[in-house]
Amino acid sequence: MPDLSDRDALVCIYEYTRGVDRWRNNTYWNSERRCGQWFGVKVDEGAHIQSLILTDNRLDGFFYENVRFSSLVNLRTLALGSNLLRGCIPHSFKYFVSLEELDLSWNKFEGEVPEEIYSLVRLRMVRLDNNLLTGELSVNLGRLTNLAFFQVHNNNLSGPIPKVGDKLPRLNVCEFRPGNPKLEGHVPPDAIEMRKWGLEPAKVKRRVHLEEDHRPGSGLGSRPGSGSRPGSRDSRPTSRGQLY
């Protein structure tokens, strides 16, 4: 096993996505500067990579499987939206065990959502919308119990939506449509309906009563997520890397 480092993993990403000749901003990348000075990179107190935000930076290419990604165990934010990335989402993302925010939206990723994504149980935000993804969403989506924001619209997904909404109590934003015409059966239109998807009828009725008790004006505070819901084609990530 080679000696792995955060820097080696970043250099792989740089080379895979044509950082030398395509990136809009590649300041200090693959230089002798400390990684915390590279554009889009933030490190924690231990100098481990904590955040990689390269939104709308003209990344162009494929993510190949690479064991060097296993060094990025402290990575919490990966934002690569609005680029030109192609091919499949790599299984090597399984190494990002601390990941909380994943934004791969507005690229050209294809193939199925890899099962390894569902093993990243700290995920709070997942944006896979506006790609070319196919296949079905796995029932293992229910493993992401911290998930608050989930968007997969404007792909080519098929099959039924897994009935795991009862396992996603924190879900606040959720969108499957438009753009997935091959989805089968009931498609929850929003996070409220998704959280009920899979509940037994008696539990659904009880949850509805609880939500009504927390409606504005009830004296118990308003429901979270009552504002405008992102997810349309106008919700493209900004170049500042703001995720939600």
C-alpha atoms as a PDB file:
ATOM      1  CA  MET A   1       0.000   0.000   0.000  1.00  0.00           C
ATOM      2  CA  PRO A   2       1.539   3.354  -1.024  1.00  0.00           C
ATOM      3  CA  ASP A   3       1.943   6.195   1.407  1.00  0.00           C
ATOM      4  CA  LEU A   4      -1.231   8.208   0.849  1.00  0.00           C
ATOM      5  CA  SER A   5      -1.766  11.881   1.556  1.00  0.00           C
ATOM      6  CA  ASP A   6      -4.477  14.473   1.119  1.00  0.00           C
ATOM      7  CA  ARG A   7      -2.282  16.267  -1.379  1.00  0.00           C
ATOM      8  CA  ASP A   8      -1.941  13.163  -3.559  1.00  0.00           C
ATOM      9  CA  ALA A   9      -5.728  12.804  -3.677  1.00  0.00           C
ATOM     10  CA  LEU A  10      -6.171  16.439  -4.713  1.00  0.00           C
ATOM     11  CA  VAL A  11      -3.543  16.092  -7.436  1.00  0.00           C
ATOM     12  CA  CYS A  12      -5.473  13.117  -8.838  1.00  0.00           C
ATOM     13  CA  ILE A  13      -8.627  15.237  -9.021  1.00  0.00           C
ATOM     14  CA  TYR A  14      -6.653  18.024 -10.672  1.00  0.00           C
ATOM     15  CA  GLU A  15      -5.247  15.703 -13.321  1.00  0.00           C
ATOM     16  CA  TYR A  16      -8.510  13.832 -13.944  1.00  0.00           C
ATOM     17  CA  THR A  17     -10.424  17.075 -14.575  1.00  0.00           C
ATOM     18  CA  ARG A  18      -7.832  18.860 -16.757  1.00  0.00           C
ATOM     19  CA  GLY A  19      -6.899  21.431 -14.180  1.00  0.00           C
ATOM     20  CA  VAL A  20      -3.864  22.713 -16.086  1.00  0.00           C
ATOM     21  CA  ASP A  21      -5.608  23.788 -19.273  1.00  0.00           C
ATOM     22  CA  ARG A  22      -9.339  23.957 -18.488  1.00  0.00           C
ATOM     23  CA  TRP A  23     -10.046  25.218 -14.989  1.00  0.00           C
ATOM     24  CA  ARG A  24     -11.235  28.781 -14.659  1.00  0.00           C
ATOM     25  CA  ASN A  25      -9.218  29.187 -11.469  1.00  0.00           C
ATOM     26  CA  ASN A  26      -6.379  26.835 -10.508  1.00  0.00           C
ATOM     27  CA  THR A  27      -4.441  29.184  -8.225  1.00  0.00           C
ATOM     28  CA  TYR A  28      -1.623  27.351  -6.398  1.00  0.00           C
ATOM     29  CA  TRP A  29      -2.889  23.902  -7.414  1.00  0.00           C
ATOM     30  CA  ASN A  30      -0.172  21.263  -7.633  1.00  0.00           C
ATOM     31  CA  SER A  31       2.368  23.749  -6.307  1.00  0.00           C
ATOM     32  CA  GLU A  32       4.604  23.591  -3.264  1.00  0.00           C
ATOM     33  CA  ARG A  33       2.172  25.804  -1.350  1.00  0.00           C
ATOM     34  CA  ARG A  34       0.245  24.269   1.495  1.00  0.00           C
ATOM     35  CA  CYS A  35      -3.035  22.730   0.344  1.00  0.00           C
ATOM     36  CA  GLY A  36      -5.009  25.203   2.438  1.00  0.00           C
ATOM     37  CA  GLN A  37      -3.837  27.930   0.047  1.00  0.00           C
ATOM     38  CA  TRP A  38      -5.050  26.137  -3.086  1.00  0.00           C
ATOM     39  CA  PHE A  39      -8.156  27.608  -4.686  1.00  0.00           C
ATOM     40  CA  GLY A  40     -11.358  26.058  -3.329  1.00  0.00           C
ATOM     41  CA  VAL A  41      -9.636  24.054  -0.589  1.00  0.00           C
ATOM     42  CA  LYS A  42     -10.146  24.465   3.138  1.00  0.00           C
ATOM     43  CA  VAL A  43      -8.316  22.522   5.819  1.00  0.00           C
ATOM     44  CA  ASP A  44      -9.018  21.838   9.482  1.00  0.00           C
ATOM     45  CA  GLU A  45      -6.735  22.523  12.416  1.00  0.00           C
ATOM     46  CA  GLY A  46      -4.857  19.322  11.705  1.00  0.00           C
ATOM     47  CA  ALA A  47      -4.190  20.424   8.097  1.00  0.00           C
ATOM     48  CA  HIS A  48      -6.528  17.731   6.745  1.00  0.00           C
ATOM     49  CA  ILE A  49      -8.748  18.585   3.785  1.00  0.00           C
ATOM     50  CA  GLN A  50     -12.153  19.565   5.146  1.00  0.00           C
ATOM     51  CA  SER A  51     -13.806  21.252   2.175  1.00  0.00           C
ATOM     52  CA  LEU A  52     -13.379  21.165  -1.614  1.00  0.00           C
ATOM     53  CA  ILE A  53     -15.563  23.690  -3.448  1.00  0.00           C
ATOM     54  CA  LEU A  54     -14.922  23.927  -7.188  1.00  0.00           C
ATOM     55  CA  THR A  55     -18.397  24.892  -8.364  1.00  0.00           C
ATOM     56  CA  ASP A  56     -18.642  26.393 -11.875  1.00  0.00           C
ATOM     57  CA  ASN A  57     -14.896  26.116 -12.466  1.00  0.00           C
ATOM     58  CA  ARG A  58     -14.877  24.306 -15.846  1.00  0.00           C
ATOM     59  CA  LEU A  59     -13.768  20.937 -14.490  1.00  0.00           C
ATOM     60  CA  ASP A  60     -13.820  18.634 -17.520  1.00  0.00           C
ATOM     61  CA  GLY A  61     -13.219  14.902 -17.514  1.00  0.00           C
ATOM     62  CA  PHE A  62     -13.847  11.649 -15.674  1.00  0.00           C
ATOM     63  CA  PHE A  63     -13.413  10.577 -12.071  1.00  0.00           C
ATOM     64  CA  TYR A  64     -11.542   7.290 -12.153  1.00  0.00           C
ATOM     65  CA  GLU A  65     -11.485   4.822  -9.279  1.00  0.00           C
ATOM     66  CA  ASN A  66      -8.483   5.550  -7.105  1.00  0.00           C
ATOM     67  CA  VAL A  67      -7.383   4.249  -3.721  1.00  0.00           C
ATOM     68  CA  ARG A  68      -5.722   7.620  -3.079  1.00  0.00           C
ATOM     69  CA  PHE A  69      -9.162   9.042  -2.308  1.00  0.00           C
ATOM     70  CA  SER A  70      -9.003   6.998   0.901  1.00  0.00           C
ATOM     71  CA  SER A  71      -6.864   9.738   2.457  1.00  0.00           C
ATOM     72  CA  LEU A  72      -9.795  12.183   2.373  1.00  0.00           C
ATOM     73  CA  VAL A  73     -11.517  10.722   5.410  1.00  0.00           C
ATOM     74  CA  ASN A  74     -11.953  14.189   6.949  1.00  0.00           C
ATOM     75  CA  LEU A  75     -13.652  15.720   3.903  1.00  0.00           C
ATOM     76  CA  ARG A  76     -17.002  17.205   4.898  1.00  0.00           C
ATOM     77  CA  THR A  77     -17.995  19.217   1.811  1.00  0.00           C
ATOM     78  CA  LEU A  78     -17.516  18.234  -1.836  1.00  0.00           C
ATOM     79  CA  ALA A  79     -19.067  20.751  -4.242  1.00  0.00           C
ATOM     80  CA  LEU A  80     -18.406  20.110  -7.929  1.00  0.00           C
ATOM     81  CA  GLY A  81     -21.661  21.405  -9.398  1.00  0.00           C
ATOM     82  CA  SER A  82     -22.009  23.262 -12.714  1.00  0.00           C
ATOM     83  CA  ASN A  83     -19.010  21.706 -14.438  1.00  0.00           C
ATOM     84  CA  LEU A  84     -18.418  19.295 -17.352  1.00  0.00           C
ATOM     85  CA  LEU A  85     -17.771  16.070 -15.454  1.00  0.00           C
ATOM     86  CA  ARG A  86     -18.693  12.838 -17.225  1.00  0.00           C
ATOM     87  CA  GLY A  87     -18.786   9.104 -16.716  1.00  0.00           C
ATOM     88  CA  CYS A  88     -19.981   7.286 -13.610  1.00  0.00           C
ATOM     89  CA  ILE A  89     -19.871   8.546 -10.050  1.00  0.00           C
ATOM     90  CA  PRO A  90     -16.901   6.559  -8.709  1.00  0.00           C
ATOM     91  CA  HIS A  91     -17.287   3.877  -6.075  1.00  0.00           C
ATOM     92  CA  SER A  92     -14.146   5.382  -4.511  1.00  0.00           C
ATOM     93  CA  PHE A  93     -16.326   8.088  -2.982  1.00  0.00           C
ATOM     94  CA  LYS A  94     -17.006   5.490  -0.290  1.00  0.00           C
ATOM     95  CA  TYR A  95     -13.816   6.671   1.387  1.00  0.00           C
ATOM     96  CA  PHE A  96     -15.332  10.087   2.170  1.00  0.00           C
ATOM     97  CA  VAL A  97     -16.771   8.779   5.429  1.00  0.00           C
ATOM     98  CA  SER A  98     -17.098  12.231   7.042  1.00  0.00           C
ATOM     99  CA  LEU A  99     -18.929  13.761   4.088  1.00  0.00           C
ATOM    100  CA  GLU A 100     -21.930  15.914   4.999  1.00  0.00           C
ATOM    101  CA  GLU A 101     -22.530  17.883   1.797  1.00  0.00           C
ATOM    102  CA  LEU A 102     -22.287  16.434  -1.715  1.00  0.00           C
ATOM    103  CA  ASP A 103     -23.075  18.539  -4.780  1.00  0.00           C
ATOM    104  CA  LEU A 104     -22.529  16.914  -8.202  1.00  0.00           C
ATOM    105  CA  SER A 105     -25.414  18.742  -9.892  1.00  0.00           C
ATOM    106  CA  TRP A 106     -25.365  20.210 -13.405  1.00  0.00           C
ATOM    107  CA  ASN A 107     -22.775  17.842 -14.848  1.00  0.00           C
ATOM    108  CA  LYS A 108     -23.008  14.852 -17.208  1.00  0.00           C
ATOM    109  CA  PHE A 109     -22.653  11.972 -14.784  1.00  0.00           C
ATOM    110  CA  GLU A 110     -24.283   8.779 -16.047  1.00  0.00           C
ATOM    111  CA  GLY A 111     -24.978   5.267 -14.837  1.00  0.00           C
ATOM    112  CA  GLU A 112     -26.616   4.359 -11.545  1.00  0.00           C
ATOM    113  CA  VAL A 113     -26.189   6.092  -8.217  1.00  0.00           C
ATOM    114  CA  PRO A 114     -23.518   3.870  -6.617  1.00  0.00           C
ATOM    115  CA  GLU A 115     -24.504   1.988  -3.483  1.00  0.00           C
ATOM    116  CA  GLU A 116     -21.470   3.481  -1.757  1.00  0.00           C
ATOM    117  CA  ILE A 117     -23.204   6.870  -1.624  1.00  0.00           C
ATOM    118  CA  TYR A 118     -25.806   5.373   0.711  1.00  0.00           C
ATOM    119  CA  SER A 119     -23.041   4.271   3.082  1.00  0.00           C
ATOM    120  CA  LEU A 120     -22.039   7.893   3.795  1.00  0.00           C
ATOM    121  CA  VAL A 121     -24.369   8.138   6.753  1.00  0.00           C
ATOM    122  CA  ARG A 122     -23.334  11.660   7.785  1.00  0.00           C
ATOM    123  CA  LEU A 123     -24.714  13.171   4.594  1.00  0.00           C
ATOM    124  CA  ARG A 124     -27.103  16.051   5.185  1.00  0.00           C
ATOM    125  CA  MET A 125     -27.247  17.421   1.650  1.00  0.00           C
ATOM    126  CA  VAL A 126     -27.139  15.524  -1.659  1.00  0.00           C
ATOM    127  CA  ARG A 127     -27.525  17.196  -5.052  1.00  0.00           C
ATOM    128  CA  LEU A 128     -27.368  14.862  -8.038  1.00  0.00           C
ATOM    129  CA  ASP A 129     -29.881  16.769 -10.146  1.00  0.00           C
ATOM    130  CA  ASN A 130     -29.402  17.766 -13.783  1.00  0.00           C
ATOM    131  CA  ASN A 131     -27.207  14.855 -14.851  1.00  0.00           C
ATOM    132  CA  LEU A 132     -27.733  11.732 -16.985  1.00  0.00           C
ATOM    133  CA  LEU A 133     -28.157   9.199 -14.177  1.00  0.00           C
ATOM    134  CA  THR A 134     -30.149   6.023 -14.852  1.00  0.00           C
ATOM    135  CA  GLY A 135     -31.454   3.044 -12.921  1.00  0.00           C
ATOM    136  CA  GLU A 136     -33.386   2.905  -9.677  1.00  0.00           C
ATOM    137  CA  LEU A 137     -32.829   4.573  -6.348  1.00  0.00           C
ATOM    138  CA  SER A 138     -31.844   2.003  -3.753  1.00  0.00           C
ATOM    139  CA  VAL A 139     -33.816   1.202  -0.629  1.00  0.00           C
ATOM    140  CA  ASN A 140     -30.536   1.962   1.152  1.00  0.00           C
ATOM    141  CA  LEU A 141     -31.449   5.623   0.762  1.00  0.00           C
ATOM    142  CA  GLY A 142     -33.073   5.016   4.132  1.00  0.00           C
ATOM    143  CA  ARG A 143     -29.626   4.686   5.706  1.00  0.00           C
ATOM    144  CA  LEU A 144     -29.071   8.440   5.298  1.00  0.00           C
ATOM    145  CA  THR A 145     -30.972   9.304   8.451  1.00  0.00           C
ATOM    146  CA  ASN A 146     -29.351  12.755   8.699  1.00  0.00           C
ATOM    147  CA  LEU A 147     -30.490  13.748   5.200  1.00  0.00           C
ATOM    148  CA  ALA A 148     -32.174  17.164   5.048  1.00  0.00           C
ATOM    149  CA  PHE A 149     -31.778  18.109   1.368  1.00  0.00           C
ATOM    150  CA  PHE A 150     -32.119  15.629  -1.518  1.00  0.00           C
ATOM    151  CA  GLN A 151     -32.477  16.474  -5.210  1.00  0.00           C
ATOM    152  CA  VAL A 152     -32.277  14.033  -8.137  1.00  0.00           C
ATOM    153  CA  HIS A 153     -34.610  15.675 -10.658  1.00  0.00           C
ATOM    154  CA  ASN A 154     -33.712  16.080 -14.338  1.00  0.00           C
ATOM    155  CA  ASN A 155     -31.989  12.717 -14.801  1.00  0.00           C
ATOM    156  CA  ASN A 156     -33.175   9.469 -16.428  1.00  0.00           C
ATOM    157  CA  LEU A 157     -34.031   7.525 -13.283  1.00  0.00           C
ATOM    158  CA  SER A 158     -36.580   4.713 -13.415  1.00  0.00           C
ATOM    159  CA  GLY A 159     -38.501   2.350 -11.173  1.00  0.00           C
ATOM    160  CA  PRO A 160     -40.367   3.083  -7.934  1.00  0.00           C
ATOM    161  CA  ILE A 161     -39.349   5.511  -5.202  1.00  0.00           C
ATOM    162  CA  PRO A 162     -38.210   3.411  -2.215  1.00  0.00           C
ATOM    163  CA  LYS A 163     -40.592   3.587   0.710  1.00  0.00           C
ATOM    164  CA  VAL A 164     -38.063   4.833   3.242  1.00  0.00           C
ATOM    165  CA  GLY A 165     -39.439   8.273   4.080  1.00  0.00           C
ATOM    166  CA  ASP A 166     -40.132   7.219   7.656  1.00  0.00           C
ATOM    167  CA  LYS A 167     -36.361   6.768   8.073  1.00  0.00           C
ATOM    168  CA  LEU A 168     -35.628  10.354   6.962  1.00  0.00           C
ATOM    169  CA  PRO A 169     -37.070  12.476   9.785  1.00  0.00           C
ATOM    170  CA  ARG A 170     -34.877  15.513   9.023  1.00  0.00           C
ATOM    171  CA  LEU A 171     -35.781  15.720   5.330  1.00  0.00           C
ATOM    172  CA  ASN A 172     -36.720  19.308   4.529  1.00  0.00           C
ATOM    173  CA  VAL A 173     -36.205  19.577   0.744  1.00  0.00           C
ATOM    174  CA  CYS A 174     -36.774  16.718  -1.689  1.00  0.00           C
ATOM    175  CA  GLU A 175     -37.359  16.650  -5.451  1.00  0.00           C
ATOM    176  CA  PHE A 176     -37.617  13.741  -7.891  1.00  0.00           C
ATOM    177  CA  ARG A 177     -39.410  15.505 -10.744  1.00  0.00           C
ATOM    178  CA  PRO A 178     -39.382  16.978 -13.359  1.00  0.00           C
ATOM    179  CA  GLY A 179     -37.057  15.145 -15.712  1.00  0.00           C
ATOM    180  CA  ASN A 180     -37.434  11.521 -14.567  1.00  0.00           C
ATOM    181  CA  PRO A 181     -40.360  10.336 -16.736  1.00  0.00           C
ATOM    182  CA  LYS A 182     -39.609   6.633 -16.185  1.00  0.00           C
ATOM    183  CA  LEU A 183     -40.273   6.726 -12.447  1.00  0.00           C
ATOM    184  CA  GLU A 184     -43.056   4.302 -11.547  1.00  0.00           C
ATOM    185  CA  GLY A 185     -45.974   4.503  -9.164  1.00  0.00           C
ATOM    186  CA  HIS A 186     -46.426   7.268  -6.653  1.00  0.00           C
ATOM    187  CA  VAL A 187     -43.729   9.940  -6.708  1.00  0.00           C
ATOM    188  CA  PRO A 188     -43.741  12.099  -3.558  1.00  0.00           C
ATOM    189  CA  PRO A 189     -43.895  15.719  -4.745  1.00  0.00           C
ATOM    190  CA  ASP A 190     -42.062  17.228  -1.795  1.00  0.00           C
ATOM    191  CA  ALA A 191     -40.278  16.472   1.468  1.00  0.00           C
ATOM    192  CA  ILE A 192     -43.496  16.360   3.522  1.00  0.00           C
ATOM    193  CA  GLU A 193     -44.945  13.629   1.329  1.00  0.00           C
ATOM    194  CA  MET A 194     -41.636  11.789   1.169  1.00  0.00           C
ATOM    195  CA  ARG A 195     -41.407  11.633   4.961  1.00  0.00           C
ATOM    196  CA  LYS A 196     -44.823   9.907   4.954  1.00  0.00           C
ATOM    197  CA  TRP A 197     -43.805   7.502   2.165  1.00  0.00           C
ATOM    198  CA  GLY A 198     -43.518   4.104   3.793  1.00  0.00           C
ATOM    199  CA  LEU A 199     -45.375   4.912   6.987  1.00  0.00           C
ATOM    200  CA  GLU A 200     -48.320   2.760   7.982  1.00  0.00           C
ATOM    201  CA  PRO A 201     -51.676   4.583   7.540  1.00  0.00           C
ATOM    202  CA  ALA A 202     -52.165   5.055  11.286  1.00  0.00           C
ATOM    203  CA  LYS A 203     -48.725   6.648  11.610  1.00  0.00           C
ATOM    204  CA  VAL A 204     -49.407   8.910   8.634  1.00  0.00           C
ATOM    205  CA  LYS A 205     -52.584  10.164  10.308  1.00  0.00           C
ATOM    206  CA  ARG A 206     -50.721  10.795  13.570  1.00  0.00           C
ATOM    207  CA  ARG A 207     -47.921  12.665  11.741  1.00  0.00           C
ATOM    208  CA  VAL A 208     -50.457  14.867   9.945  1.00  0.00           C
ATOM    209  CA  HIS A 209     -51.951  15.839  13.306  1.00  0.00           C
ATOM    210  CA  LEU A 210     -48.487  16.657  14.673  1.00  0.00           C
ATOM    211  CA  GLU A 211     -47.686  18.848  11.667  1.00  0.00           C
ATOM    212  CA  GLU A 212     -51.007  20.663  12.008  1.00  0.00           C
ATOM    213  CA  ASP A 213     -50.238  21.326  15.657  1.00  0.00           C
ATOM    214  CA  HIS A 214     -47.001  23.033  14.586  1.00  0.00           C
ATOM    215  CA  ARG A 215     -48.529  25.140  11.838  1.00  0.00           C
ATOM    216  CA  PRO A 216     -48.016  28.956  12.044  1.00  0.00           C
ATOM    217  CA  GLY A 217     -50.308  30.507  14.609  1.00  0.00           C
ATOM    218  CA  SER A 218     -50.707  27.373  16.696  1.00  0.00           C
ATOM    219  CA  GLY A 219     -48.435  28.732  19.426  1.00  0.00           C
ATOM    220  CA  LEU A 220     -45.916  25.925  18.919  1.00  0.00           C
ATOM    221  CA  GLY A 221     -43.848  27.523  16.173  1.00  0.00           C
ATOM    222  CA  SER A 222     -43.932  27.106  12.438  1.00  0.00           C
ATOM    223  CA  ARG A 223     -42.857  24.042  10.516  1.00  0.00           C
ATOM    224  CA  PRO A 224     -39.333  23.991   9.153  1.00  0.00           C
ATOM    225  CA  GLY A 225     -39.018  24.229   5.414  1.00  0.00           C
ATOM    226  CA  SER A 226     -42.138  26.325   4.875  1.00  0.00           C
ATOM    227  CA  GLY A 227     -40.285  28.737   2.589  1.00  0.00           C
ATOM    228  CA  SER A 228     -39.764  28.468  -1.141  1.00  0.00           C
ATOM    229  CA  ARG A 229     -38.499  25.136  -2.340  1.00  0.00           C
ATOM    230  CA  PRO A 230     -35.399  25.036  -4.548  1.00  0.00           C
ATOM    231  CA  GLY A 231     -34.924  22.464  -7.240  1.00  0.00           C
ATOM    232  CA  SER A 232     -36.001  24.074 -10.484  1.00  0.00           C
ATOM    233  CA  ARG A 233     -33.579  24.621 -13.314  1.00  0.00           C
ATOM    234  CA  ASP A 234     -33.043  28.083 -11.885  1.00  0.00           C
ATOM    235  CA  SER A 235     -31.469  26.613  -8.746  1.00  0.00           C
ATOM    236  CA  ARG A 236     -28.067  26.103 -10.317  1.00  0.00           C
ATOM    237  CA  PRO A 237     -25.295  26.424  -7.688  1.00  0.00           C
ATOM    238  CA  THR A 238     -23.401  29.700  -7.636  1.00  0.00           C
ATOM    239  CA  SER A 239     -19.716  30.051  -8.341  1.00  0.00           C
ATOM    240  CA  ARG A 240     -19.185  30.889  -4.681  1.00  0.00           C
ATOM    241  CA  GLY A 241     -19.926  27.306  -3.770  1.00  0.00           C
ATOM    242  CA  GLN A 242     -23.028  28.087  -1.713  1.00  0.00           C
ATOM    243  CA  LEU A 243     -24.816  24.759  -1.383  1.00  0.00           C
ATOM    244  CA  TYR A 244     -28.145  25.656   0.146  1.00  0.00           C
END
